[in-house]
N, C-alpha and C. Protein backbone atom coordinates (compact mmCIF):
# COMPACT_ATOMS: atom_id res chain seq x y z
N MET A 1 0.86 -0.89 0.14
CA MET A 1 -0.02 0.40 0.36
C MET A 1 0.92 0.81 -0.12
N GLU A 2 2.35 1.07 -0.11
CA GLU A 2 2.92 2.38 0.17
C GLU A 2 3.34 2.80 -1.33
N CYS A 3 3.90 4.35 -1.98
CA CYS A 3 3.85 4.76 -3.11
C CYS A 3 4.88 3.63 -4.03
N VAL A 4 6.05 3.57 -2.61
CA VAL A 4 7.51 3.20 -2.42
C VAL A 4 7.32 1.63 -3.67
N ALA A 5 6.47 1.09 -3.67
CA ALA A 5 6.38 -0.15 -4.07
C ALA A 5 5.86 -0.43 -6.06
N CYS A 6 5.04 0.92 -5.80
CA CYS A 6 4.93 0.80 -7.40
C CYS A 6 5.86 1.58 -8.02
N HIS A 7 6.76 2.89 -6.94
CA HIS A 7 6.34 3.76 -8.28
C HIS A 7 7.79 4.64 -7.95
N ALA A 8 8.77 4.58 -8.38
CA ALA A 8 10.61 5.25 -8.03
C ALA A 8 10.06 6.40 -6.77
N ASP A 9 11.72 6.78 -6.86
CA ASP A 9 11.35 7.14 -5.75
C ASP A 9 12.33 9.24 -6.18
N VAL A 10 11.00 9.28 -7.24
CA VAL A 10 11.41 10.14 -8.48
C VAL A 10 12.33 11.76 -7.41
N HIS A 11 13.01 11.51 -5.99
CA HIS A 11 13.11 12.89 -5.30
C HIS A 11 14.80 12.13 -5.17
N LEU A 12 15.16 10.68 -5.42
CA LEU A 12 16.23 10.18 -5.06
C LEU A 12 17.25 10.49 -4.08
N GLY A 13 15.63 10.29 -3.16
CA GLY A 13 16.56 10.51 -2.03
C GLY A 13 16.43 11.82 -1.44
N GLN A 14 16.05 12.50 -1.70
CA GLN A 14 16.56 13.84 -1.06
C GLN A 14 15.02 14.03 0.05
N VAL A 15 13.89 13.53 0.23
CA VAL A 15 12.86 13.50 1.11
C VAL A 15 12.66 12.43 1.84
N GLU A 16 12.38 12.68 2.71
CA GLU A 16 11.58 10.90 3.72
C GLU A 16 11.19 10.38 2.73
N ARG A 17 10.74 8.51 2.70
CA ARG A 17 9.78 8.23 1.76
C ARG A 17 8.14 7.91 2.09
N THR A 18 7.83 8.46 2.41
CA THR A 18 5.95 9.37 2.90
C THR A 18 5.52 10.14 2.26
N CYS A 19 4.85 9.50 0.94
CA CYS A 19 4.84 10.23 -0.42
C CYS A 19 3.52 11.28 0.21
N GLU A 20 2.89 10.52 0.52
CA GLU A 20 1.23 11.63 1.04
C GLU A 20 2.02 12.68 1.58
N ARG A 21 2.71 12.69 2.68
CA ARG A 21 3.47 14.02 3.51
C ARG A 21 2.86 15.14 2.24
N CYS A 22 3.05 14.63 1.34
CA CYS A 22 3.39 16.30 -0.23
C CYS A 22 2.23 16.27 -0.67
N HIS A 23 2.38 14.96 -1.27
CA HIS A 23 1.36 14.53 -2.33
C HIS A 23 -0.03 13.15 -1.91
N THR A 24 -0.66 14.42 -2.82
CA THR A 24 -2.27 13.92 -3.07
C THR A 24 -2.74 13.40 -4.86
N ILE A 25 -3.72 11.51 -4.34
CA ILE A 25 -3.65 11.54 -5.54
C ILE A 25 -5.09 12.68 -6.61
N ALA A 26 -5.84 13.18 -5.48
CA ALA A 26 -6.35 14.04 -5.78
C ALA A 26 -5.93 15.63 -6.67
N ALA A 27 -4.83 15.65 -6.59
CA ALA A 27 -3.90 17.19 -7.56
C ALA A 27 -4.24 16.79 -8.38
N PRO A 28 -4.14 17.26 -9.61
CA PRO A 28 -3.28 17.44 -11.08
C PRO A 28 -1.99 16.14 -11.13
N LYS A 29 -2.31 16.03 -11.92
CA LYS A 29 -0.36 15.08 -12.40
C LYS A 29 0.18 15.13 -10.91
N PHE A 30 -0.37 14.53 -9.54
CA PHE A 30 -0.37 14.46 -8.45
C PHE A 30 1.12 15.42 -7.91
N ALA A 31 0.73 16.69 -7.95
CA ALA A 31 1.39 18.07 -7.86
C ALA A 31 0.99 17.70 -5.70
N ALA A 32 2.54 18.51 -5.88
CA ALA A 32 3.28 18.34 -4.23
C ALA A 32 1.83 19.66 -3.38
N ALA A 33 0.30 18.97 -3.11
CA ALA A 33 -0.54 19.87 -2.43
C ALA A 33 -0.40 20.45 -0.92
N ARG A 34 0.01 18.85 -0.43
CA ARG A 34 -0.17 19.17 0.49
C ARG A 34 1.38 19.53 1.24
N PHE A 35 2.19 19.94 0.52
CA PHE A 35 3.57 20.44 1.31
C PHE A 35 3.36 22.06 1.38
N SER A 36 3.69 23.04 2.53
CA SER A 36 4.27 23.93 2.89
C SER A 36 5.37 24.41 3.27
N HIS A 37 5.74 25.58 2.65
CA HIS A 37 7.30 26.23 3.49
C HIS A 37 7.00 26.33 4.08
N ASN A 38 6.54 27.06 5.44
CA ASN A 38 6.02 26.70 6.33
C ASN A 38 6.26 26.11 7.82
N ARG A 39 6.61 24.73 7.26
CA ARG A 39 7.08 23.10 7.89
C ARG A 39 8.73 23.25 7.20
N SER A 40 9.08 24.12 6.42
CA SER A 40 10.85 23.52 5.75
C SER A 40 11.84 24.62 6.41
N GLY A 41 12.36 24.61 6.05
CA GLY A 41 13.93 25.42 7.16
C GLY A 41 13.96 26.76 6.38
N PHE A 42 12.62 26.73 5.59
CA PHE A 42 13.27 28.22 4.52
C PHE A 42 11.10 28.94 4.27
N PRO A 43 10.84 29.07 5.97
CA PRO A 43 9.32 30.06 4.96
C PRO A 43 9.27 30.66 3.93
N LEU A 44 8.51 30.35 2.86
CA LEU A 44 8.40 31.65 1.70
C LEU A 44 7.33 33.05 2.73
N THR A 45 7.73 34.03 2.60
CA THR A 45 7.09 35.79 2.64
C THR A 45 7.19 36.36 1.90
N GLY A 46 6.36 37.14 1.73
CA GLY A 46 6.60 38.82 1.31
C GLY A 46 6.09 38.21 -0.40
N LYS A 47 7.28 38.54 -1.54
CA LYS A 47 7.80 38.58 -3.24
C LYS A 47 7.83 36.54 -3.18
N HIS A 48 8.41 36.00 -2.07
CA HIS A 48 9.14 33.95 -2.12
C HIS A 48 7.74 33.91 -2.70
N LEU A 49 6.00 34.30 -2.04
CA LEU A 49 5.42 33.78 -1.86
C LEU A 49 4.66 33.68 -3.52
N ALA A 50 4.47 33.97 -3.91
CA ALA A 50 4.16 34.26 -5.17
C ALA A 50 5.20 33.62 -6.58
N THR A 51 6.24 33.14 -5.90
CA THR A 51 7.21 32.49 -6.54
C THR A 51 7.21 31.36 -7.33
N GLN A 52 7.46 30.67 -8.42
CA GLN A 52 7.58 29.78 -9.15
C GLN A 52 7.98 28.61 -8.42
N CYS A 53 8.06 27.14 -7.91
CA CYS A 53 8.86 26.29 -7.64
C CYS A 53 10.14 26.59 -8.17
N VAL A 54 9.66 26.48 -9.89
CA VAL A 54 10.75 25.93 -10.82
C VAL A 54 12.10 26.98 -10.47
N LYS A 55 11.84 28.17 -10.40
CA LYS A 55 13.02 29.52 -9.58
C LYS A 55 13.53 28.90 -9.18
N CYS A 56 13.36 28.36 -8.02
CA CYS A 56 15.03 27.84 -6.77
C CYS A 56 14.76 26.49 -7.34
N HIS A 57 13.75 25.89 -7.47
CA HIS A 57 13.75 24.09 -7.02
C HIS A 57 13.94 23.54 -8.48
N ARG A 58 15.56 23.82 -9.29
CA ARG A 58 15.75 23.68 -10.95
C ARG A 58 15.81 21.57 -10.68
N THR A 59 15.14 21.24 -12.56
CA THR A 59 16.22 20.02 -12.39
C THR A 59 17.17 20.05 -13.00
N GLU A 60 18.48 18.89 -12.26
CA GLU A 60 19.38 18.79 -12.35
C GLU A 60 19.62 16.96 -12.33
N THR A 61 20.84 16.87 -13.16
CA THR A 61 21.21 15.72 -13.09
C THR A 61 22.98 15.52 -12.68
N ARG A 62 22.97 15.25 -11.40
CA ARG A 62 23.93 15.11 -10.20
C ARG A 62 24.63 14.07 -9.79
N ALA A 63 25.19 14.01 -8.58
CA ALA A 63 24.53 12.99 -7.67
C ALA A 63 23.94 13.32 -6.90
N PHE A 64 22.40 12.83 -5.73
CA PHE A 64 21.93 12.97 -4.66
C PHE A 64 22.28 11.31 -3.78
N PRO A 65 21.12 11.85 -2.83
CA PRO A 65 21.33 11.40 -1.67
C PRO A 65 21.47 9.08 -2.33
N ALA A 66 20.10 9.23 -3.41
CA ALA A 66 19.86 7.63 -3.77
C ALA A 66 20.31 7.60 -4.33
N GLY A 67 21.61 8.06 -5.31
CA GLY A 67 22.63 7.96 -6.58
C GLY A 67 22.57 9.30 -7.40
N THR A 68 23.10 8.66 -7.91
CA THR A 68 23.06 9.79 -10.05
C THR A 68 22.35 9.97 -11.03
N GLY A 69 21.91 10.55 -10.98
CA GLY A 69 19.99 10.85 -11.58
C GLY A 69 20.14 12.17 -12.27
N THR A 70 18.17 12.58 -13.00
CA THR A 70 17.52 13.79 -12.99
C THR A 70 16.54 13.83 -12.32
N ALA A 71 16.55 14.91 -11.11
CA ALA A 71 15.59 15.13 -10.15
C ALA A 71 16.00 16.36 -10.48
N MET A 72 14.26 16.95 -9.27
CA MET A 72 14.00 18.90 -9.07
C MET A 72 14.98 18.74 -7.95
N ARG A 73 15.81 19.39 -7.89
CA ARG A 73 16.55 19.57 -6.70
C ARG A 73 16.06 19.95 -6.15
N LEU A 74 15.52 19.17 -4.38
CA LEU A 74 15.47 20.13 -3.12
C LEU A 74 15.56 20.64 -1.78
N ARG A 75 17.04 20.45 -1.70
CA ARG A 75 17.61 20.16 -0.90
C ARG A 75 19.25 19.74 -1.22
N PRO A 76 20.20 20.36 -0.47
CA PRO A 76 20.49 22.06 0.06
C PRO A 76 20.21 22.91 -1.05
N LEU A 77 19.55 24.16 -0.14
CA LEU A 77 19.41 25.32 -1.18
C LEU A 77 19.84 25.95 0.20
N ALA A 78 20.73 26.60 -0.96
CA ALA A 78 21.36 27.70 0.14
C ALA A 78 20.15 28.75 0.36
N LYS A 79 20.12 29.67 1.22
CA LYS A 79 19.13 30.00 2.07
C LYS A 79 19.46 32.47 1.63
N GLU A 80 20.87 31.42 1.99
CA GLU A 80 21.37 33.37 1.77
C GLU A 80 20.41 34.21 0.24
N CYS A 81 20.40 35.57 0.10
CA CYS A 81 19.58 35.96 -1.03
C CYS A 81 20.99 35.55 -1.82
N ARG A 82 21.66 35.64 -1.90
CA ARG A 82 22.60 36.08 -2.93
C ARG A 82 22.90 34.51 -3.58
N ALA A 83 21.77 33.30 -3.10
CA ALA A 83 22.04 31.49 -4.04
C ALA A 83 20.66 32.38 -5.11
N CYS A 84 20.25 32.89 -5.00
CA CYS A 84 18.99 33.75 -6.30
C CYS A 84 19.35 34.40 -7.20
N HIS A 85 19.35 35.45 -6.04
CA HIS A 85 19.46 36.78 -6.89
C HIS A 85 21.20 37.97 -6.76
N GLU A 86 21.09 38.40 -7.55
CA GLU A 86 22.38 38.92 -8.06
C GLU A 86 23.03 40.49 -7.46
N ASP A 87 23.98 40.51 -6.65
CA ASP A 87 24.24 41.91 -5.74
C ASP A 87 23.55 42.80 -7.00
N PRO A 88 22.89 43.59 -6.06
CA PRO A 88 23.15 45.15 -7.04
C PRO A 88 24.05 46.05 -6.64
N HIS A 89 24.27 45.83 -5.49
CA HIS A 89 25.39 46.86 -4.94
C HIS A 89 26.96 46.77 -4.99
N LEU A 90 26.57 45.55 -5.69
CA LEU A 90 27.74 44.47 -6.33
C LEU A 90 29.71 44.82 -5.28
N GLY A 91 29.31 44.28 -4.32
CA GLY A 91 30.02 44.09 -2.86
C GLY A 91 30.42 45.72 -1.79
N GLN A 92 29.25 46.90 -1.83
CA GLN A 92 29.78 47.40 -1.18
C GLN A 92 28.90 48.09 -0.14
N VAL A 93 28.11 46.21 0.35
CA VAL A 93 27.37 46.35 1.44
C VAL A 93 27.54 45.22 2.05
N ASP A 94 27.71 44.29 3.07
CA ASP A 94 27.85 42.92 4.24
C ASP A 94 26.65 42.14 3.15
N THR A 95 26.02 40.82 3.53
CA THR A 95 25.71 39.59 2.46
C THR A 95 24.37 39.85 3.39
N ARG A 96 23.77 40.82 4.17
CA ARG A 96 22.83 40.33 4.94
C ARG A 96 21.77 41.40 4.92
N CYS A 97 21.68 40.54 3.43
CA CYS A 97 20.33 41.82 2.81
C CYS A 97 18.82 42.46 3.81
N GLU A 98 18.72 41.60 3.97
CA GLU A 98 17.35 41.95 5.38
C GLU A 98 18.35 43.26 6.32
N THR A 99 18.99 43.40 6.61
CA THR A 99 19.53 44.84 7.12
C THR A 99 18.48 45.70 6.34
N CYS A 100 18.72 46.08 5.45
CA CYS A 100 17.42 47.24 4.37
C CYS A 100 16.74 46.56 3.96
N HIS A 101 16.00 45.77 3.80
CA HIS A 101 14.89 44.98 2.99
C HIS A 101 14.30 43.88 3.81
N LEU A 102 13.60 44.02 3.42
CA LEU A 102 12.12 43.24 3.72
C LEU A 102 11.22 42.10 2.06
N THR A 103 11.31 40.92 2.64
CA THR A 103 10.49 40.06 1.36
C THR A 103 9.26 40.70 0.73
N ALA A 104 8.53 42.12 1.78
CA ALA A 104 7.19 42.00 1.21
C ALA A 104 7.53 43.01 -0.07
N THR A 105 8.66 43.69 0.06
CA THR A 105 8.36 44.54 -1.20
C THR A 105 9.81 44.68 -1.66
N PHE A 106 10.77 44.64 -1.32
CA PHE A 106 12.35 44.51 -1.44
C PHE A 106 12.31 45.35 -1.67
N THR A 107 12.10 46.64 -1.13
CA THR A 107 12.40 48.41 -1.33
C THR A 107 13.60 48.74 0.04
N LYS A 108 13.89 49.10 0.04
CA LYS A 108 14.82 49.63 1.25
C LYS A 108 14.07 50.29 2.36
N LEU A 109 14.70 49.26 3.64
CA LEU A 109 13.71 50.53 4.91
C LEU A 109 14.40 51.62 4.94
N ALA A 110 13.77 52.04 6.04
CA ALA A 110 14.69 53.63 6.61
C ALA A 110 15.77 53.14 6.71
N TYR A 111 16.63 54.67 6.93
CA TYR A 111 18.31 53.56 6.28
C TYR A 111 18.80 55.70 7.91
N LYS A 112 19.23 55.39 8.61
CA LYS A 112 20.16 55.97 9.38
C LYS A 112 21.76 55.99 9.15
N HIS A 113 21.91 57.27 8.97
CA HIS A 113 23.45 57.56 8.30
C HIS A 113 23.87 57.56 9.97
N SER A 114 24.33 56.65 10.32
CA SER A 114 25.22 56.41 11.49
C SER A 114 26.48 57.58 11.82
N GLY A 115 27.09 58.62 12.82
CA GLY A 115 27.44 59.26 12.67
C GLY A 115 26.94 60.84 12.27
N MET A 116 26.18 60.61 10.93
CA MET A 116 26.01 62.04 11.00
C MET A 116 24.33 62.37 10.94
N GLU A 117 24.04 62.28 12.02
CA GLU A 117 22.73 62.61 11.96
C GLU A 117 22.30 64.04 11.94
N ASP A 118 23.23 64.45 13.46
CA ASP A 118 23.07 66.31 12.80
C ASP A 118 23.07 67.20 11.48
N PHE A 119 23.33 65.90 10.38
CA PHE A 119 23.94 66.65 9.34
C PHE A 119 22.86 66.15 8.40
N PHE A 120 22.48 65.33 9.02
CA PHE A 120 20.12 65.32 8.08
C PHE A 120 19.39 65.52 9.07
N ASN A 121 19.53 66.79 10.30
CA ASN A 121 18.70 66.87 10.56
C ASN A 121 18.15 68.35 10.49
N ASP A 122 18.70 68.76 8.91
CA ASP A 122 18.65 69.93 9.02
C ASP A 122 18.08 69.85 7.07
N PHE A 123 18.50 70.72 6.19
CA PHE A 123 18.04 70.60 5.20
C PHE A 123 18.63 69.34 4.29
N HIS A 124 19.15 69.05 4.75
CA HIS A 124 20.26 67.76 4.01
C HIS A 124 19.19 66.26 4.31
N GLY A 125 18.21 66.69 5.36
CA GLY A 125 17.48 65.52 5.88
C GLY A 125 16.80 65.10 4.78
N ALA A 126 15.60 66.20 4.54
CA ALA A 126 14.58 66.25 2.96
C ALA A 126 15.02 66.14 1.89
N LEU A 127 16.04 66.14 1.73
CA LEU A 127 16.25 65.18 -0.30
C LEU A 127 16.33 64.05 -0.46
N PRO A 128 16.23 63.49 -1.27
CA PRO A 128 15.89 62.44 -1.90
C PRO A 128 17.42 61.52 -1.84
N CYS A 129 17.87 60.34 -1.27
CA CYS A 129 18.97 59.37 -1.44
C CYS A 129 19.52 60.19 -2.92
N ARG A 130 18.43 60.02 -3.68
CA ARG A 130 19.54 59.83 -5.33
C ARG A 130 20.21 61.33 -5.24
N SER A 131 20.61 62.21 -4.40
CA SER A 131 20.51 62.93 -4.78
C SER A 131 21.73 63.27 -4.32
N CYS A 132 22.35 62.28 -3.48
CA CYS A 132 24.07 62.61 -3.30
C CYS A 132 24.16 60.46 -3.77
N HIS A 133 23.19 59.80 -3.80
CA HIS A 133 23.63 58.27 -4.12
C HIS A 133 22.67 58.45 -5.44
N LYS A 134 24.19 58.01 -6.56
CA LYS A 134 23.68 57.98 -7.96
C LYS A 134 24.15 56.62 -8.93
N VAL A 135 23.67 57.01 -9.82
CA VAL A 135 23.73 55.48 -10.07
C VAL A 135 24.45 55.64 -11.04
N GLU A 136 25.97 54.88 -11.22
CA GLU A 136 26.95 55.62 -11.60
C GLU A 136 27.30 53.27 -12.51
N ARG A 137 28.30 53.90 -13.66
CA ARG A 137 29.15 52.70 -14.27
C ARG A 137 30.36 52.85 -13.46
N GLY A 138 31.01 51.51 -13.05
CA GLY A 138 32.44 52.06 -12.96
C GLY A 138 32.86 50.80 -12.35
N GLN A 139 34.13 51.25 -11.13
CA GLN A 139 34.58 50.10 -10.39
C GLN A 139 34.05 49.93 -8.89
N PHE A 140 33.11 49.19 -8.44
CA PHE A 140 33.70 48.54 -6.76
C PHE A 140 33.51 47.43 -5.97
N PRO A 141 33.13 47.28 -4.77
CA PRO A 141 34.23 46.31 -4.66
C PRO A 141 33.91 44.80 -5.33
N ALA A 142 32.94 44.53 -5.85
CA ALA A 142 33.18 43.00 -6.24
C ALA A 142 32.96 43.38 -8.47
N GLY A 143 33.29 44.49 -8.68
CA GLY A 143 34.21 44.76 -9.54
C GLY A 143 33.29 46.34 -10.24
N ARG A 144 33.67 46.08 -12.31
CA ARG A 144 33.21 46.73 -12.77
C ARG A 144 31.41 46.56 -12.37
N GLY A 145 30.78 47.16 -13.03
CA GLY A 145 29.62 47.42 -13.46
C GLY A 145 28.35 49.09 -12.63
N LEU A 146 27.42 48.41 -13.32
CA LEU A 146 26.45 49.66 -13.37
C LEU A 146 25.70 49.18 -11.49
N ALA A 147 25.66 50.67 -10.66
CA ALA A 147 24.91 50.06 -9.48
C ALA A 147 24.83 51.85 -8.78
N VAL A 148 24.00 52.01 -8.19
CA VAL A 148 24.29 53.09 -7.19
C VAL A 148 25.22 52.87 -6.16
N ARG A 149 25.50 54.23 -6.23
CA ARG A 149 26.99 54.58 -5.99
C ARG A 149 26.54 54.53 -3.59
N LEU A 150 26.82 53.76 -2.88
CA LEU A 150 26.22 53.96 -1.78
C LEU A 150 26.89 54.80 -1.01
N LYS A 151 28.57 54.51 -1.06
CA LYS A 151 29.38 54.88 -0.23
C LYS A 151 30.49 56.83 -1.21
N VAL A 152 29.63 57.71 -0.62
CA VAL A 152 29.51 58.81 -1.34
C VAL A 152 30.94 59.57 -0.39
N GLY A 153 31.98 60.87 -0.82
CA GLY A 153 32.40 61.43 1.17
C GLY A 153 30.85 62.52 1.09
N ARG A 154 31.79 62.76 2.37
CA ARG A 154 31.37 62.98 4.10
C ARG A 154 31.82 64.26 3.66
N THR A 155 32.29 64.75 2.96
CA THR A 155 33.23 66.25 2.85
C THR A 155 31.47 67.32 1.79
N CYS A 156 31.81 68.40 2.26
CA CYS A 156 30.97 69.40 1.42
C CYS A 156 31.06 69.34 -0.66
N ALA A 157 32.92 69.43 -0.50
CA ALA A 157 33.18 69.46 -1.47
C ALA A 157 32.79 67.98 -2.77
N ALA A 158 31.89 66.80 -1.36
CA ALA A 158 31.80 65.32 -2.51
C ALA A 158 30.05 66.03 -3.23
N CYS A 159 29.75 66.61 -2.32
CA CYS A 159 28.35 66.96 -3.02
C CYS A 159 28.36 68.53 -3.93
N HIS A 160 29.53 69.45 -3.62
CA HIS A 160 29.17 70.11 -3.83
C HIS A 160 30.39 71.07 -4.75
N PRO A 161 31.50 70.88 -5.81
CA PRO A 161 32.00 70.69 -6.60
C PRO A 161 32.27 72.45 -5.97
N GLN A 162 31.79 73.38 -6.15
CA GLN A 162 32.20 74.86 -5.87
C GLN A 162 32.99 75.00 -4.93
N PHE A 163 32.88 74.50 -3.96
CA PHE A 163 33.60 74.35 -2.39
C PHE A 163 34.92 73.81 -2.58
């Protein structure tokens, strides 16, 4: 009465062999209708909820726990943002994206310029970020490319060349 009595392990040993935990015969093409990322090591939040499974879980031919073959890779998958996303900052900041971004929109959270609070309490605090942080093509810590220059000079002349 177990699936494995008649069916090969299409996951090649990546998950336990209790198919009914994720799959149901009522789902079209035996889809994983019972699977929930909330029970996994990577609960999906924000924009990740609408991401198609195949964007992260690609079909690969490689060595799996049950042997070499072709299967959808379920694990191990890296949990860091850089595993799926390119670094738009080209190495200018650390790799902990959640320091500044949430998965709800991936837009930047409010940022505090440490050590420069007095500077931003006046006229400069009302300026949009892009007034100082401009998109430019150039050399960055991770190489040449196009990115917003995050680290800018802290002198008046850095933004106001007439000084």
